[in-house]
PDB file of N, CA and C in Angstrom:
ATOM      1  N   GLU A   1     146.582  75.911 121.886  1.00  0.00           N
ATOM      2  CA  GLU A   1     147.015  77.403 122.011  1.00  0.00           C
ATOM      3  C   GLU A   1     147.696  78.042 122.834  1.00  0.00           C
ATOM      4  N   ASN A   2     148.902  77.067 123.362  1.00  0.00           N
ATOM      5  CA  ASN A   2     149.955  77.332 124.066  1.00  0.00           C
ATOM      6  C   ASN A   2     149.416  78.539 125.386  1.00  0.00           C
ATOM      7  N   VAL A   3     148.251  78.197 125.949  1.00  0.00           N
ATOM      8  CA  VAL A   3     148.084  79.131 126.934  1.00  0.00           C
ATOM      9  C   VAL A   3     148.172  78.555 128.233  1.00  0.00           C
ATOM     10  N   LYS A   4     148.728  79.329 129.275  1.00  0.00           N
ATOM     11  CA  LYS A   4     149.080  78.768 130.510  1.00  0.00           C
ATOM     12  C   LYS A   4     147.893  79.272 131.717  1.00  0.00           C
ATOM     13  N   PHE A   5     147.614  78.278 132.402  1.00  0.00           N
ATOM     14  CA  PHE A   5     146.426  78.421 133.514  1.00  0.00           C
ATOM     15  C   PHE A   5     146.959  78.442 134.803  1.00  0.00           C
ATOM     16  N   ASP A   6     146.414  79.292 135.675  1.00  0.00           N
ATOM     17  CA  ASP A   6     146.815  78.653 137.052  1.00  0.00           C
ATOM     18  C   ASP A   6     145.949  77.531 137.612  1.00  0.00           C
ATOM     19  N   GLU A   7     146.235  76.777 138.405  1.00  0.00           N
ATOM     20  CA  GLU A   7     145.281  76.003 138.685  1.00  0.00           C
ATOM     21  C   GLU A   7     143.891  75.737 139.113  1.00  0.00           C
ATOM     22  N   LYS A   8     143.442  76.911 139.885  1.00  0.00           N
ATOM     23  CA  LYS A   8     142.142  77.353 139.932  1.00  0.00           C
ATOM     24  C   LYS A   8     141.364  77.824 138.717  1.00  0.00           C
ATOM     25  N   ALA A   9     142.217  78.395 137.844  1.00  0.00           N
ATOM     26  CA  ALA A   9     141.400  78.802 136.604  1.00  0.00           C
ATOM     27  C   ALA A   9     141.183  77.599 135.784  1.00  0.00           C
ATOM     28  N   PHE A  10     142.019  76.885 135.826  1.00  0.00           N
ATOM     29  CA  PHE A  10     141.935  75.534 134.786  1.00  0.00           C
ATOM     30  C   PHE A  10     140.754  74.804 135.333  1.00  0.00           C
ATOM     31  N   ASP A  11     140.551  74.673 136.719  1.00  0.00           N
ATOM     32  CA  ASP A  11     139.567  73.594 137.468  1.00  0.00           C
ATOM     33  C   ASP A  11     138.030  74.385 137.127  1.00  0.00           C
ATOM     34  N   TYR A  12     138.104  75.807 137.257  1.00  0.00           N
ATOM     35  CA  TYR A  12     136.938  76.653 137.130  1.00  0.00           C
ATOM     36  C   TYR A  12     136.492  76.339 135.757  1.00  0.00           C
ATOM     37  N   LEU A  13     137.604  76.402 134.720  1.00  0.00           N
ATOM     38  CA  LEU A  13     137.020  76.404 133.271  1.00  0.00           C
ATOM     39  C   LEU A  13     136.695  74.778 132.782  1.00  0.00           C
ATOM     40  N   SER A  14     137.220  73.863 133.427  1.00  0.00           N
ATOM     41  CA  SER A  14     136.751  72.584 133.471  1.00  0.00           C
ATOM     42  C   SER A  14     135.321  72.464 134.105  1.00  0.00           C
ATOM     43  N   ARG A  15     135.027  73.080 135.233  1.00  0.00           N
ATOM     44  CA  ARG A  15     133.772  72.677 135.594  1.00  0.00           C
ATOM     45  C   ARG A  15     132.462  73.508 134.630  1.00  0.00           C
ATOM     46  N   VAL A  16     132.912  74.706 134.069  1.00  0.00           N
ATOM     47  CA  VAL A  16     132.456  75.527 133.220  1.00  0.00           C
ATOM     48  C   VAL A  16     131.750  74.500 131.992  1.00  0.00           C
ATOM     49  N   GLY A  17     132.780  73.967 131.374  1.00  0.00           N
ATOM     50  CA  GLY A  17     132.848  72.942 130.253  1.00  0.00           C
ATOM     51  C   GLY A  17     131.907  71.698 130.799  1.00  0.00           C
ATOM     52  N   SER A  18     131.761  70.947 132.039  1.00  0.00           N
ATOM     53  CA  SER A  18     130.917  70.038 132.343  1.00  0.00           C
ATOM     54  C   SER A  18     129.661  70.541 132.782  1.00  0.00           C
ATOM     55  N   GLU A  19     129.593  71.734 133.312  1.00  0.00           N
ATOM     56  CA  GLU A  19     128.205  72.181 133.448  1.00  0.00           C
ATOM     57  C   GLU A  19     127.427  73.046 132.293  1.00  0.00           C
ATOM     58  N   LYS A  20     128.255  73.631 131.497  1.00  0.00           N
ATOM     59  CA  LYS A  20     127.313  74.223 130.545  1.00  0.00           C
ATOM     60  C   LYS A  20     127.828  73.488 129.111  1.00  0.00           C
ATOM     61  N   SER A  21     129.001  73.783 128.509  1.00  0.00           N
ATOM     62  CA  SER A  21     129.335  73.142 127.297  1.00  0.00           C
ATOM     63  C   SER A  21     130.881  73.189 127.211  1.00  0.00           C
ATOM     64  N   LEU A  22     131.418  72.120 126.751  1.00  0.00           N
ATOM     65  CA  LEU A  22     132.722  72.033 126.111  1.00  0.00           C
ATOM     66  C   LEU A  22     132.974  73.183 125.399  1.00  0.00           C
ATOM     67  N   ARG A  23     132.225  73.714 124.230  1.00  0.00           N
ATOM     68  CA  ARG A  23     132.509  74.554 123.173  1.00  0.00           C
ATOM     69  C   ARG A  23     132.441  75.733 123.987  1.00  0.00           C
ATOM     70  N   TYR A  24     131.604  76.297 124.691  1.00  0.00           N
ATOM     71  CA  TYR A  24     131.431  77.439 125.714  1.00  0.00           C
ATOM     72  C   TYR A  24     132.784  77.613 126.258  1.00  0.00           C
ATOM     73  N   ALA A  25     133.277  76.516 126.855  1.00  0.00           N
ATOM     74  CA  ALA A  25     134.533  76.652 128.147  1.00  0.00           C
ATOM     75  C   ALA A  25     135.699  77.014 127.097  1.00  0.00           C
ATOM     76  N   LEU A  26     135.759  76.306 125.789  1.00  0.00           N
ATOM     77  CA  LEU A  26     136.693  76.714 125.005  1.00  0.00           C
ATOM     78  C   LEU A  26     136.763  77.935 124.091  1.00  0.00           C
ATOM     79  N   GLN A  27     135.561  78.341 124.125  1.00  0.00           N
ATOM     80  CA  GLN A  27     135.390  79.756 123.717  1.00  0.00           C
ATOM     81  C   GLN A  27     135.855  80.925 124.596  1.00  0.00           C
ATOM     82  N   LEU A  28     135.997  80.577 125.775  1.00  0.00           N
ATOM     83  CA  LEU A  28     136.174  81.525 126.960  1.00  0.00           C
ATOM     84  C   LEU A  28     137.748  81.635 126.928  1.00  0.00           C
ATOM     85  N   ILE A  29     138.424  80.851 126.309  1.00  0.00           N
ATOM     86  CA  ILE A  29     139.761  80.838 126.583  1.00  0.00           C
ATOM     87  C   ILE A  29     140.658  81.997 126.059  1.00  0.00           C
ATOM     88  N   ALA A  30     140.365  82.577 124.735  1.00  0.00           N
ATOM     89  CA  ALA A  30     140.755  83.672 124.107  1.00  0.00           C
ATOM     90  C   ALA A  30     140.714  84.934 124.823  1.00  0.00           C
ATOM     91  N   PRO A  31     139.397  85.277 125.247  1.00  0.00           N
ATOM     92  CA  PRO A  31     139.039  86.234 125.937  1.00  0.00           C
ATOM     93  C   PRO A  31     139.585  86.490 127.406  1.00  0.00           C
ATOM     94  N   ALA A  32     139.892  85.271 127.863  1.00  0.00           N
ATOM     95  CA  ALA A  32     140.602  85.095 129.407  1.00  0.00           C
ATOM     96  C   ALA A  32     142.066  85.292 129.178  1.00  0.00           C
ATOM     97  N   ARG A  33     142.568  84.833 128.076  1.00  0.00           N
ATOM     98  CA  ARG A  33     143.800  85.453 127.710  1.00  0.00           C
ATOM     99  C   ARG A  33     144.048  86.854 127.602  1.00  0.00           C
ATOM    100  N   LEU A  34     143.298  87.387 126.580  1.00  0.00           N
ATOM    101  CA  LEU A  34     143.170  89.037 126.771  1.00  0.00           C
ATOM    102  C   LEU A  34     142.951  89.552 127.968  1.00  0.00           C
ATOM    103  N   CYS A  35     142.290  89.195 128.772  1.00  0.00           N
ATOM    104  CA  CYS A  35     142.280  89.751 130.085  1.00  0.00           C
ATOM    105  C   CYS A  35     143.405  89.711 130.891  1.00  0.00           C
ATOM    106  N   ALA A  36     143.962  88.550 130.858  1.00  0.00           N
ATOM    107  CA  ALA A  36     145.405  88.342 131.630  1.00  0.00           C
ATOM    108  C   ALA A  36     146.489  89.128 131.105  1.00  0.00           C
ATOM    109  N   GLN A  37     146.367  89.350 129.829  1.00  0.00           N
ATOM    110  CA  GLN A  37     147.281  90.086 129.159  1.00  0.00           C
ATOM    111  C   GLN A  37     147.172  91.666 129.421  1.00  0.00           C
ATOM    112  N   THR A  38     145.978  92.067 129.413  1.00  0.00           N
ATOM    113  CA  THR A  38     145.762  93.512 129.806  1.00  0.00           C
ATOM    114  C   THR A  38     146.457  93.806 131.373  1.00  0.00           C
ATOM    115  N   CYS A  39     146.519  92.870 131.806  1.00  0.00           N
ATOM    116  CA  CYS A  39     146.912  92.843 133.320  1.00  0.00           C
ATOM    117  C   CYS A  39     148.676  92.788 133.512  1.00  0.00           C
ATOM    118  N   GLY A  40     148.961  92.563 132.435  1.00  0.00           N
ATOM    119  CA  GLY A  40     150.409  92.074 132.263  1.00  0.00           C
ATOM    120  C   GLY A  40     150.925  90.890 132.435  1.00  0.00           C
ATOM    121  N   ARG A  41     150.091  89.864 132.439  1.00  0.00           N
ATOM    122  CA  ARG A  41     150.322  88.629 132.781  1.00  0.00           C
ATOM    123  C   ARG A  41     149.893  87.596 131.554  1.00  0.00           C
ATOM    124  N   GLU A  42     150.880  86.450 131.483  1.00  0.00           N
ATOM    125  CA  GLU A  42     150.557  85.485 130.439  1.00  0.00           C
ATOM    126  C   GLU A  42     149.797  84.441 131.186  1.00  0.00           C
ATOM    127  N   LEU A  43     149.904  84.217 132.348  1.00  0.00           N
ATOM    128  CA  LEU A  43     148.983  83.167 133.283  1.00  0.00           C
ATOM    129  C   LEU A  43     147.836  83.378 133.360  1.00  0.00           C
ATOM    130  N   ILE A  44     146.917  82.857 133.057  1.00  0.00           N
ATOM    131  CA  ILE A  44     145.437  83.248 133.150  1.00  0.00           C
ATOM    132  C   ILE A  44     145.105  82.846 134.461  1.00  0.00           C
ATOM    133  N   GLU A  45     144.451  83.527 135.341  1.00  0.00           N
ATOM    134  CA  GLU A  45     144.147  83.196 136.596  1.00  0.00           C
ATOM    135  C   GLU A  45     142.706  83.154 136.881  1.00  0.00           C
ATOM    136  N   MET A  46     142.038  82.742 137.902  1.00  0.00           N
ATOM    137  CA  MET A  46     140.783  82.651 138.398  1.00  0.00           C
ATOM    138  C   MET A  46     140.051  83.632 137.931  1.00  0.00           C
ATOM    139  N   GLU A  47     140.105  84.992 138.168  1.00  0.00           N
ATOM    140  CA  GLU A  47     139.432  86.227 137.908  1.00  0.00           C
ATOM    141  C   GLU A  47     139.308  86.628 136.535  1.00  0.00           C
ATOM    142  N   ASP A  48     140.145  86.268 135.735  1.00  0.00           N
ATOM    143  CA  ASP A  48     140.242  86.184 134.119  1.00  0.00           C
ATOM    144  C   ASP A  48     139.073  85.524 133.714  1.00  0.00           C
ATOM    145  N   VAL A  49     138.897  84.105 134.087  1.00  0.00           N
ATOM    146  CA  VAL A  49     137.969  83.134 133.549  1.00  0.00           C
ATOM    147  C   VAL A  49     136.580  83.667 134.089  1.00  0.00           C
ATOM    148  N   GLU A  50     136.546  84.196 135.257  1.00  0.00           N
ATOM    149  CA  GLU A  50     135.354  84.434 136.133  1.00  0.00           C
ATOM    150  C   GLU A  50     134.550  85.779 135.105  1.00  0.00           C
ATOM    151  N   LYS A  51     135.587  86.686 134.994  1.00  0.00           N
ATOM    152  CA  LYS A  51     135.307  87.935 134.272  1.00  0.00           C
ATOM    153  C   LYS A  51     134.465  87.396 132.995  1.00  0.00           C
ATOM    154  N   CYS A  52     135.072  86.614 132.233  1.00  0.00           N
ATOM    155  CA  CYS A  52     134.651  86.288 130.959  1.00  0.00           C
ATOM    156  C   CYS A  52     133.462  85.444 130.823  1.00  0.00           C
ATOM    157  N   THR A  53     133.225  84.792 131.873  1.00  0.00           N
ATOM    158  CA  THR A  53     131.639  84.024 132.104  1.00  0.00           C
ATOM    159  C   THR A  53     130.665  85.213 132.224  1.00  0.00           C
ATOM    160  N   THR A  54     131.009  86.349 132.896  1.00  0.00           N
ATOM    161  CA  THR A  54     129.948  87.297 133.265  1.00  0.00           C
ATOM    162  C   THR A  54     129.913  88.234 131.908  1.00  0.00           C
ATOM    163  N   LEU A  55     130.937  88.080 131.112  1.00  0.00           N
ATOM    164  CA  LEU A  55     130.883  89.022 129.684  1.00  0.00           C
ATOM    165  C   LEU A  55     130.187  88.332 128.569  1.00  0.00           C
ATOM    166  N   PHE A  56     130.452  86.989 128.606  1.00  0.00           N
ATOM    167  CA  PHE A  56     129.691  86.269 127.327  1.00  0.00           C
ATOM    168  C   PHE A  56     129.104  85.166 128.161  1.00  0.00           C
ATOM    169  N   MET A  57     127.455  85.138 127.088  1.00  0.00           N
ATOM    170  CA  MET A  57     126.772  84.098 127.591  1.00  0.00           C
ATOM    171  C   MET A  57     126.973  82.520 126.876  1.00  0.00           C
ATOM    172  N   ASP A  58     126.571  81.645 127.300  1.00  0.00           N
ATOM    173  CA  ASP A  58     126.649  80.447 126.747  1.00  0.00           C
ATOM    174  C   ASP A  58     125.241  80.179 126.003  1.00  0.00           C
ATOM    175  N   ARG A  59     125.294  79.054 125.125  1.00  0.00           N
ATOM    176  CA  ARG A  59     124.001  79.154 124.317  1.00  0.00           C
ATOM    177  C   ARG A  59     122.761  79.119 124.851  1.00  0.00           C
ATOM    178  N   SER A  60     122.452  78.449 125.651  1.00  0.00           N
ATOM    179  CA  SER A  60     121.444  78.421 126.678  1.00  0.00           C
ATOM    180  C   SER A  60     120.922  79.778 127.323  1.00  0.00           C
ATOM    181  N   GLU A  61     121.769  80.453 127.897  1.00  0.00           N
ATOM    182  CA  GLU A  61     121.559  81.655 128.486  1.00  0.00           C
ATOM    183  C   GLU A  61     121.090  82.459 127.548  1.00  0.00           C
ATOM    184  N   SER A  62     121.753  82.757 126.309  1.00  0.00           N
ATOM    185  CA  SER A  62     121.528  83.560 124.997  1.00  0.00           C
ATOM    186  C   SER A  62     120.004  83.208 124.649  1.00  0.00           C
ATOM    187  N   LEU A  63     119.679  81.910 124.556  1.00  0.00           N
ATOM    188  CA  LEU A  63     118.368  81.642 123.966  1.00  0.00           C
ATOM    189  C   LEU A  63     117.240  81.999 125.221  1.00  0.00           C
ATOM    190  N   LYS A  64     117.590  82.056 126.361  1.00  0.00           N
ATOM    191  CA  LYS A  64     116.618  82.474 127.455  1.00  0.00           C
ATOM    192  C   LYS A  64     116.254  83.969 127.491  1.00  0.00           C
ATOM    193  N   LYS A  65     117.478  84.611 127.217  1.00  0.00           N
ATOM    194  CA  LYS A  65     117.320  86.127 127.097  1.00  0.00           C
ATOM    195  C   LYS A  65     116.591  86.551 125.804  1.00  0.00           C
ATOM    196  N   ALA A  66     116.827  85.782 124.966  1.00  0.00           N
ATOM    197  CA  ALA A  66     115.987  86.187 123.462  1.00  0.00           C
ATOM    198  C   ALA A  66     114.632  85.899 123.705  1.00  0.00           C
ATOM    199  N   GLU A  67     114.261  84.818 124.329  1.00  0.00           N
ATOM    200  CA  GLU A  67     112.781  84.452 124.779  1.00  0.00           C
ATOM    201  C   GLU A  67     112.191  85.473 125.681  1.00  0.00           C
ATOM    202  N   GLU A  68     113.006  85.899 126.763  1.00  0.00           N
ATOM    203  CA  GLU A  68     112.332  86.809 127.481  1.00  0.00           C
ATOM    204  C   GLU A  68     112.083  88.248 126.740  1.00  0.00           C
ATOM    205  N   THR A  69     113.025  88.669 126.269  1.00  0.00           N
ATOM    206  CA  THR A  69     112.958  89.815 125.501  1.00  0.00           C
ATOM    207  C   THR A  69     111.993  89.949 124.353  1.00  0.00           C
ATOM    208  N   GLN A  70     111.735  88.755 123.860  1.00  0.00           N
ATOM    209  CA  GLN A  70     110.290  88.477 122.980  1.00  0.00           C
ATOM    210  C   GLN A  70     109.491  88.620 123.492  1.00  0.00           C
ATOM    211  N   GLN A  71     108.962  88.034 124.423  1.00  0.00           N
ATOM    212  CA  GLN A  71     107.916  88.128 125.594  1.00  0.00           C
ATOM    213  C   GLN A  71     107.410  89.567 125.896  1.00  0.00           C
ATOM    214  N   ARG A  72     108.446  90.400 126.407  1.00  0.00           N
ATOM    215  CA  ARG A  72     108.304  91.560 126.839  1.00  0.00           C
ATOM    216  C   ARG A  72     107.966  92.340 125.573  1.00  0.00           C
ATOM    217  N   LEU A  73     108.433  92.179 124.448  1.00  0.00           N
ATOM    218  CA  LEU A  73     108.155  93.039 123.331  1.00  0.00           C
ATOM    219  C   LEU A  73     106.637  92.602 123.045  1.00  0.00           C
ATOM    220  N   ALA A  74     106.324  91.483 122.964  1.00  0.00           N
ATOM    221  CA  ALA A  74     105.024  90.850 122.703  1.00  0.00           C
ATOM    222  C   ALA A  74     103.829  91.483 123.890  1.00  0.00           C
ATOM    223  N   ALA A  75     104.240  91.495 125.014  1.00  0.00           N
ATOM    224  CA  ALA A  75     103.451  92.279 125.811  1.00  0.00           C
ATOM    225  C   ALA A  75     103.499  93.660 125.702  1.00  0.00           C
ATOM    226  N   LYS A  76     104.299  94.498 125.122  1.00  0.00           N
ATOM    227  CA  LYS A  76     104.164  96.078 125.300  1.00  0.00           C
ATOM    228  C   LYS A  76     103.172  96.215 123.727  1.00  0.00           C
ATOM    229  N   LYS A  77     103.134  95.274 122.728  1.00  0.00           N
ATOM    230  CA  LYS A  77     102.426  95.356 121.738  1.00  0.00           C
ATOM    231  C   LYS A  77     100.824  95.028 122.030  1.00  0.00           C
ATOM    232  N   ALA A  78     100.695  94.548 122.906  1.00  0.00           N
ATOM    233  CA  ALA A  78      99.381  93.986 123.218  1.00  0.00           C
ATOM    234  C   ALA A  78      98.453  95.026 124.075  1.00  0.00           C
TER     235      ALA A  78
END
């Protein structure tokens, strides 16, 4: 994708890929690039990747939130 990362951002994204999933880490690249560009940079920095990990959930987090919501809704009906 011809994307440039500073070393800390690249290392962080690599950790995210190994701890969560490679697919999730790869999906963070585009929004991280947009975050950098809105700040007037072409180089993706650590703060850009961190921001995207707070904005977007990986599959396991998403499933957990859906289950919690389902349980809350079931409790309200009871």
